[in-house]
């Protein structure tokens, strides 16, 4: 293996490394989504003083896999009057958008193997990484809207229309809320944004308003309660995926939980220092811990830091869902357009003043 790596052309080596990273990230995403299903059911049971899944595997850990097997063998029912092409494409669009965004997320810094510094992002050094995330995320609304329209069902259509209005409205708030982070960091590269937060200089301390707006907008973007109007079982049966069954429904289910992990990861990267540790590596080295850049121990510590922060937000998504009632539609729109958007614009003004004063008097 070492001889192959040292003698193969550079493009072959880069291709092999990229394929390996893609396989790892895809498996982490799928296992993470399964873990989120288990966490959702266990946490909701704990909050309601129930047992939750406890039959399939230890602590019910294999229940999500049993659910997948059930969905695979379920009959795929398509309404006679549905547009079968778009009915089939809608879940594929949704899952493709989510998977593509994982490509630019930096789960760690880099690891040194065979004399190479290998980045832990699938597509490293993308200097427009944040712009890419928002560009791809904005396409997610097409999957849900097409699912509602192609089903030829009034409930599904209403769910799709609600989703398009909700996601477009809160995408604006979400995009404006991170401009303060960009002004402080001076870059769209996610890795550079993480570097700027080293040593507990987390953006959440300098951008609390932007963080709150981004967090709430993430609930709207993932269609999670109290922003789950596109599904709204008491009103719309199941919303945009009412006419889906089998693995097509399972795909939408996978998209929702993958989107939670994605939103939690972006929150971690933008506001909580990403993979950075509470102390700098130099401090650990002074204590005799071999925490050097690229070393396996350092990679494990950084990955542990990232996934701990991300896991907290994943639990927070579940916690909020089982704690707060659903908004009315007018409340949803008022919150986005009349409260969050003006606040986000005011935050840009305050950040601009702060950055100007800092550059003039403290640099």
Protein backbone atom coordinates (compact mmCIF):
# COMPACT_ATOMS: atom_id res chain seq x y z
CA UNK A 1 0.00 0.00 0.00
CA UNK A 2 2.80 2.41 0.93
CA UNK A 3 4.62 1.62 -2.33
CA UNK A 4 1.42 2.25 -4.33
CA UNK A 5 0.88 5.62 -2.65
CA UNK A 6 4.45 6.73 -3.28
CA UNK A 7 4.61 5.62 -6.94
CA UNK A 8 1.09 6.33 -8.26
CA UNK A 9 0.35 9.57 -10.13
CA UNK A 10 -0.84 12.43 -7.97
CA UNK A 11 -4.33 12.53 -9.49
CA UNK A 12 -4.81 8.82 -8.74
CA UNK A 13 -3.77 9.32 -5.13
CA UNK A 14 -6.14 12.27 -4.73
CA UNK A 15 -8.97 10.27 -6.32
CA UNK A 16 -8.45 7.33 -3.96
CA UNK A 17 -8.32 9.63 -0.93
CA UNK A 18 -11.51 11.43 -2.03
CA UNK A 19 -13.39 8.15 -2.61
CA UNK A 20 -12.37 6.87 0.83
CA UNK A 21 -13.54 10.12 2.45
CA UNK A 22 -16.85 9.99 0.56
CA UNK A 23 -17.50 6.43 1.74
CA UNK A 24 -16.68 7.34 5.34
CA UNK A 25 -18.85 10.47 5.34
CA UNK A 26 -21.80 8.64 3.76
CA UNK A 27 -21.64 5.89 6.37
CA UNK A 28 -21.29 8.41 9.18
CA UNK A 29 -24.34 10.28 7.81
CA UNK A 30 -26.48 7.15 7.52
CA UNK A 31 -25.48 5.82 10.93
CA UNK A 32 -25.96 9.29 12.41
CA UNK A 33 -29.49 9.50 10.99
CA UNK A 34 -30.26 6.05 12.47
CA UNK A 35 -28.86 7.23 15.78
CA UNK A 36 -31.05 10.34 15.62
CA UNK A 37 -34.16 8.18 15.14
CA UNK A 38 -33.19 6.18 18.23
CA UNK A 39 -32.41 9.36 20.19
CA UNK A 40 -35.73 10.93 19.19
CA UNK A 41 -37.72 7.93 20.36
CA UNK A 42 -35.73 7.39 23.55
CA UNK A 43 -35.66 11.08 24.53
CA UNK A 44 -39.40 11.54 23.87
CA UNK A 45 -40.12 8.41 25.93
CA UNK A 46 -37.95 9.73 28.76
CA UNK A 47 -39.77 13.08 28.72
CA UNK A 48 -43.15 11.31 28.80
CA UNK A 49 -42.12 8.69 31.37
CA UNK A 50 -42.22 5.80 28.90
CA UNK A 51 -39.71 3.09 27.97
CA UNK A 52 -39.26 3.73 24.27
CA UNK A 53 -37.55 1.15 22.03
CA UNK A 54 -36.17 -1.63 24.21
CA UNK A 55 -36.79 -4.91 22.36
CA UNK A 56 -34.56 -4.95 19.27
CA UNK A 57 -30.94 -5.06 20.35
CA UNK A 58 -29.45 -3.73 23.60
CA UNK A 59 -31.35 -0.64 24.75
CA UNK A 60 -33.31 -0.81 21.50
CA UNK A 61 -30.29 0.36 19.48
CA UNK A 62 -31.15 -1.87 16.52
CA UNK A 63 -34.74 -0.61 16.25
CA UNK A 64 -33.90 1.93 13.48
CA UNK A 65 -32.42 -0.89 11.37
CA UNK A 66 -35.56 -2.98 11.90
CA UNK A 67 -37.59 0.03 10.72
CA UNK A 68 -35.47 0.28 7.56
CA UNK A 69 -35.99 -3.42 6.79
CA UNK A 70 -39.74 -2.95 7.24
CA UNK A 71 -39.79 0.06 4.89
CA UNK A 72 -37.72 -1.75 2.23
CA UNK A 73 -40.26 -4.57 2.03
CA UNK A 74 -43.32 -2.33 2.20
CA UNK A 75 -45.33 -1.91 -1.00
CA UNK A 76 -44.57 1.28 -2.93
CA UNK A 77 -48.00 2.80 -3.62
CA UNK A 78 -48.30 5.64 -6.17
CA UNK A 79 -51.68 7.36 -6.74
CA UNK A 80 -53.16 6.78 -10.22
CA UNK A 81 -53.45 10.51 -10.96
CA UNK A 82 -50.02 11.45 -9.57
CA UNK A 83 -47.24 12.72 -11.83
CA UNK A 84 -45.15 9.58 -11.49
CA UNK A 85 -41.90 11.13 -12.76
CA UNK A 86 -41.81 13.97 -10.24
CA UNK A 87 -43.31 11.75 -7.54
CA UNK A 88 -40.24 9.55 -7.95
CA UNK A 89 -37.74 12.42 -8.29
CA UNK A 90 -38.87 14.46 -5.25
CA UNK A 91 -37.27 12.28 -2.52
CA UNK A 92 -34.14 11.84 -4.65
CA UNK A 93 -33.74 15.63 -4.95
CA UNK A 94 -34.14 16.06 -1.20
CA UNK A 95 -31.58 13.41 -0.25
CA UNK A 96 -29.11 14.53 -2.95
CA UNK A 97 -29.13 18.09 -1.62
CA UNK A 98 -28.40 16.97 1.94
CA UNK A 99 -25.61 14.59 0.91
CA UNK A 100 -23.93 17.21 -1.28
CA UNK A 101 -23.69 19.69 1.59
CA UNK A 102 -21.76 17.21 3.76
CA UNK A 103 -18.91 17.46 1.24
CA UNK A 104 -17.65 20.81 2.54
CA UNK A 105 -18.14 20.28 6.27
CA UNK A 106 -14.79 20.08 8.11
CA UNK A 107 -15.15 17.44 10.84
CA UNK A 108 -11.56 18.02 11.91
CA UNK A 109 -8.35 19.71 10.83
CA UNK A 110 -6.12 17.13 9.11
CA UNK A 111 -4.38 13.82 9.78
CA UNK A 112 -0.84 12.94 8.76
CA UNK A 113 -0.66 9.56 6.99
CA UNK A 114 2.14 8.23 4.74
CA UNK A 115 3.83 11.64 4.86
CA UNK A 116 0.70 13.47 3.65
CA UNK A 117 -1.50 15.96 5.46
CA UNK A 118 -5.00 14.72 4.60
CA UNK A 119 -7.87 17.11 5.30
CA UNK A 120 -10.87 15.64 7.10
CA UNK A 121 -13.30 17.41 4.74
CA UNK A 122 -14.28 15.69 1.49
CA UNK A 123 -13.80 18.93 -0.48
CA UNK A 124 -11.14 20.86 1.48
CA UNK A 125 -9.95 24.41 0.91
CA UNK A 126 -13.18 25.52 -0.75
CA UNK A 127 -12.98 29.27 -0.29
CA UNK A 128 -16.73 29.65 -0.88
CA UNK A 129 -17.78 26.76 1.36
CA UNK A 130 -20.43 28.72 3.23
CA UNK A 131 -21.87 30.12 0.01
CA UNK A 132 -21.98 26.57 -1.39
CA UNK A 133 -23.96 25.36 1.65
CA UNK A 134 -26.62 28.03 1.23
CA UNK A 135 -26.77 27.54 -2.53
CA UNK A 136 -27.37 23.80 -2.17
CA UNK A 137 -29.72 24.14 0.81
CA UNK A 138 -31.93 26.51 -1.16
CA UNK A 139 -32.56 23.67 -3.62
CA UNK A 140 -34.06 21.51 -0.88
CA UNK A 141 -37.39 23.32 -1.17
CA UNK A 142 -37.85 21.87 -4.67
CA UNK A 143 -37.95 18.31 -3.38
CA UNK A 144 -40.69 19.04 -0.84
CA UNK A 145 -42.69 21.29 -3.18
CA UNK A 146 -42.54 18.73 -6.00
CA UNK A 147 -43.58 15.98 -3.58
CA UNK A 148 -46.69 17.94 -2.61
CA UNK A 149 -47.60 18.98 -6.16
CA UNK A 150 -46.92 15.65 -7.90
CA UNK A 151 -49.06 13.66 -5.44
CA UNK A 152 -52.27 15.25 -6.81
CA UNK A 153 -53.60 15.49 -3.26
CA UNK A 154 -54.94 18.69 -1.69
CA UNK A 155 -53.35 17.97 1.69
CA UNK A 156 -49.99 17.25 0.08
CA UNK A 157 -50.21 20.38 -2.07
CA UNK A 158 -50.96 22.55 0.97
CA UNK A 159 -48.00 21.02 2.78
CA UNK A 160 -45.73 21.73 -0.18
CA UNK A 161 -46.93 25.34 -0.42
CA UNK A 162 -46.45 25.88 3.30
CA UNK A 163 -42.97 24.44 3.09
CA UNK A 164 -41.92 26.62 0.17
CA UNK A 165 -43.14 29.79 1.91
CA UNK A 166 -41.58 28.76 5.23
CA UNK A 167 -38.19 27.71 3.89
CA UNK A 168 -37.79 30.71 1.59
CA UNK A 169 -38.76 33.12 4.38
CA UNK A 170 -36.37 31.66 6.94
CA UNK A 171 -33.54 31.18 4.44
CA UNK A 172 -33.43 34.96 4.16
CA UNK A 173 -33.20 35.36 7.94
CA UNK A 174 -30.61 32.60 8.14
CA UNK A 175 -28.45 34.10 5.40
CA UNK A 176 -28.56 37.60 6.89
CA UNK A 177 -27.85 36.30 10.41
CA UNK A 178 -24.41 34.92 9.48
CA UNK A 179 -23.14 38.08 7.79
CA UNK A 180 -21.83 39.19 11.18
CA UNK A 181 -19.76 36.00 11.37
CA UNK A 182 -18.37 36.71 7.91
CA UNK A 183 -17.49 40.29 8.90
CA UNK A 184 -15.57 39.04 11.93
CA UNK A 185 -13.87 36.10 10.17
CA UNK A 186 -13.28 37.82 6.83
CA UNK A 187 -13.73 34.60 4.84
CA UNK A 188 -16.29 32.18 3.42
CA UNK A 189 -13.96 29.20 3.95
CA UNK A 190 -15.39 27.04 6.76
CA UNK A 191 -11.96 25.79 7.78
CA UNK A 192 -10.65 29.35 8.12
CA UNK A 193 -13.74 30.31 10.14
CA UNK A 194 -12.89 27.49 12.56
CA UNK A 195 -9.24 28.61 12.77
CA UNK A 196 -10.39 32.13 13.72
CA UNK A 197 -12.20 30.68 16.77
CA UNK A 198 -9.22 28.81 18.23
CA UNK A 199 -8.64 29.32 21.94
CA UNK A 200 -12.33 29.63 22.92
CA UNK A 201 -12.78 32.75 20.74
CA UNK A 202 -16.13 31.34 19.66
CA UNK A 203 -18.34 33.48 17.46
CA UNK A 204 -21.33 32.86 19.73
CA UNK A 205 -19.73 35.26 22.25
CA UNK A 206 -19.51 38.03 19.62
CA UNK A 207 -22.68 37.17 17.66
CA UNK A 208 -25.34 36.08 20.19
CA UNK A 209 -28.16 37.66 18.16
CA UNK A 210 -26.97 36.02 14.95
CA UNK A 211 -26.69 32.68 16.74
CA UNK A 212 -30.25 32.82 18.12
CA UNK A 213 -31.69 33.76 14.72
CA UNK A 214 -29.71 31.05 12.96
CA UNK A 215 -30.74 28.45 15.53
CA UNK A 216 -34.46 29.23 15.27
CA UNK A 217 -34.27 29.44 11.47
CA UNK A 218 -32.67 25.98 11.48
CA UNK A 219 -35.84 24.58 13.05
CA UNK A 220 -37.86 26.12 10.22
CA UNK A 221 -35.47 24.84 7.56
CA UNK A 222 -35.66 21.28 8.92
CA UNK A 223 -39.48 21.42 9.27
CA UNK A 224 -39.19 20.49 12.93
CA UNK A 225 -41.67 21.41 15.64
CA UNK A 226 -42.69 24.08 16.47
CA UNK A 227 -42.18 24.83 12.73
CA UNK A 228 -43.60 21.57 11.34
CA UNK A 229 -46.52 23.16 9.48
CA UNK A 230 -45.62 21.40 6.19
CA UNK A 231 -46.48 18.07 7.90
CA UNK A 232 -49.04 19.09 10.56
CA UNK A 233 -50.75 15.71 11.09
CA UNK A 234 -53.96 17.10 12.69
CA UNK A 235 -54.54 19.39 9.69
CA UNK A 236 -52.85 17.81 6.66
CA UNK A 237 -52.74 14.08 7.51
CA UNK A 238 -49.01 14.00 6.81
CA UNK A 239 -48.46 17.01 4.59
CA UNK A 240 -46.26 16.81 1.54
CA UNK A 241 -45.42 13.09 2.04
CA UNK A 242 -49.00 11.89 2.64
CA UNK A 243 -49.01 9.90 -0.62
CA UNK A 244 -45.58 8.31 -0.07
CA UNK A 245 -44.94 4.83 1.27
CA UNK A 246 -42.12 2.32 1.51
CA UNK A 247 -38.59 3.57 1.02
CA UNK A 248 -39.75 6.79 -0.65
CA UNK A 249 -41.29 7.77 2.66
CA UNK A 250 -38.19 6.40 4.37
CA UNK A 251 -36.06 8.70 2.22
CA UNK A 252 -37.95 11.78 3.43
CA UNK A 253 -37.55 10.43 6.96
CA UNK A 254 -33.81 10.07 6.38
CA UNK A 255 -33.61 13.60 4.94
CA UNK A 256 -35.23 15.12 8.03
CA UNK A 257 -32.82 13.53 10.48
CA UNK A 258 -29.79 14.05 8.23
CA UNK A 259 -30.81 17.70 7.99
CA UNK A 260 -30.84 17.92 11.81
CA UNK A 261 -27.26 16.60 11.93
CA UNK A 262 -26.30 18.99 9.14
CA UNK A 263 -27.83 22.02 10.87
CA UNK A 264 -26.14 21.03 14.16
CA UNK A 265 -22.80 20.68 12.36
CA UNK A 266 -23.11 24.11 10.73
CA UNK A 267 -24.01 25.68 14.09
CA UNK A 268 -20.94 24.04 15.59
CA UNK A 269 -18.65 25.29 12.82
CA UNK A 270 -19.96 28.85 12.65
CA UNK A 271 -20.55 29.66 16.31
CA UNK A 272 -18.87 27.11 18.58
CA UNK A 273 -15.39 26.68 17.18
CA UNK A 274 -15.95 23.53 15.16
CA UNK A 275 -13.34 20.92 16.07
CA UNK A 276 -11.23 23.30 18.22
CA UNK A 277 -10.51 22.24 21.78
CA UNK A 278 -11.17 24.34 24.90
CA UNK A 279 -7.39 24.63 25.31
CA UNK A 280 -4.73 25.14 22.65
CA UNK A 281 -2.53 22.24 21.58
CA UNK A 282 0.53 23.98 23.05
CA UNK A 283 -1.01 23.67 26.54
CA UNK A 284 -1.55 19.93 26.09
CA UNK A 285 2.01 19.54 24.81
CA UNK A 286 3.35 21.33 27.89
CA UNK A 287 1.55 18.72 30.01
CA UNK A 288 3.35 15.90 28.20
CA UNK A 289 0.37 14.91 26.00
CA UNK A 290 1.48 14.15 22.41
CA UNK A 291 -1.16 16.41 20.85
CA UNK A 292 0.66 17.60 17.76
CA UNK A 293 -1.10 18.82 14.60
CA UNK A 294 -2.00 15.84 12.44
CA UNK A 295 -1.24 13.23 15.10
CA UNK A 296 -3.86 10.48 15.61
CA UNK A 297 -4.47 11.55 19.23
CA UNK A 298 -5.06 15.12 18.12
CA UNK A 299 -7.49 13.98 15.43
CA UNK A 300 -9.43 11.92 18.00
CA UNK A 301 -9.59 14.85 20.43
CA UNK A 302 -10.74 17.23 17.69
CA UNK A 303 -13.35 14.78 16.39
CA UNK A 304 -14.57 14.25 19.96
CA UNK A 305 -14.87 18.01 20.42
CA UNK A 306 -16.81 18.42 17.16
CA UNK A 307 -19.22 15.54 17.69
CA UNK A 308 -19.85 16.48 21.34
CA UNK A 309 -20.96 19.97 20.35
CA UNK A 310 -22.94 18.63 17.41
CA UNK A 311 -24.58 15.97 19.61
CA UNK A 312 -25.75 18.61 22.05
CA UNK A 313 -27.59 20.49 19.30
CA UNK A 314 -29.08 17.25 17.96
CA UNK A 315 -30.50 16.60 21.41
CA UNK A 316 -31.70 20.20 21.59
CA UNK A 317 -33.71 19.69 18.38
CA UNK A 318 -35.44 16.70 20.00
CA UNK A 319 -35.92 18.53 23.30
CA UNK A 320 -37.66 21.48 21.64
CA UNK A 321 -39.91 19.26 19.55
CA UNK A 322 -41.35 17.55 22.61
CA UNK A 323 -41.59 20.74 24.66
CA UNK A 324 -43.25 23.43 22.52
CA UNK A 325 -46.58 23.47 20.63
CA UNK A 326 -46.83 24.20 16.92
CA UNK A 327 -47.00 27.82 15.74
CA UNK A 328 -49.95 29.11 13.75
CA UNK A 329 -49.08 30.02 10.17
CA UNK A 330 -49.49 33.77 10.75
CA UNK A 331 -47.25 33.55 13.83
CA UNK A 332 -44.64 31.72 11.76
CA UNK A 333 -44.57 34.41 9.07
CA UNK A 334 -44.67 37.31 11.55
CA UNK A 335 -41.74 35.88 13.49
CA UNK A 336 -39.63 35.55 10.36
CA UNK A 337 -40.45 38.79 8.54
CA UNK A 338 -41.34 41.24 11.33
CA UNK A 339 -38.97 40.18 14.11
CA UNK A 340 -36.02 38.11 12.90
CA UNK A 341 -35.27 39.94 9.65
CA UNK A 342 -35.12 43.43 11.27
CA UNK A 343 -33.06 41.96 14.14
CA UNK A 344 -30.63 40.37 11.66
CA UNK A 345 -30.23 43.66 9.80
CA UNK A 346 -29.67 45.52 13.08
CA UNK A 347 -27.06 42.90 14.00
CA UNK A 348 -25.15 43.67 10.78
CA UNK A 349 -25.12 47.37 11.69
CA UNK A 350 -23.90 46.70 15.24
CA UNK A 351 -21.24 44.28 14.01
CA UNK A 352 -20.02 46.79 11.42
CA UNK A 353 -19.66 49.45 14.12
CA UNK A 354 -17.89 47.02 16.43
CA UNK A 355 -15.45 45.83 13.77
CA UNK A 356 -14.68 49.42 12.72
CA UNK A 357 -13.98 50.51 16.31
CA UNK A 358 -11.80 47.45 16.95
CA UNK A 359 -9.77 48.00 13.78
CA UNK A 360 -9.36 51.72 14.53
CA UNK A 361 -8.38 51.59 18.22
CA UNK A 362 -7.33 48.06 19.19
CA UNK A 363 -5.37 46.74 16.22
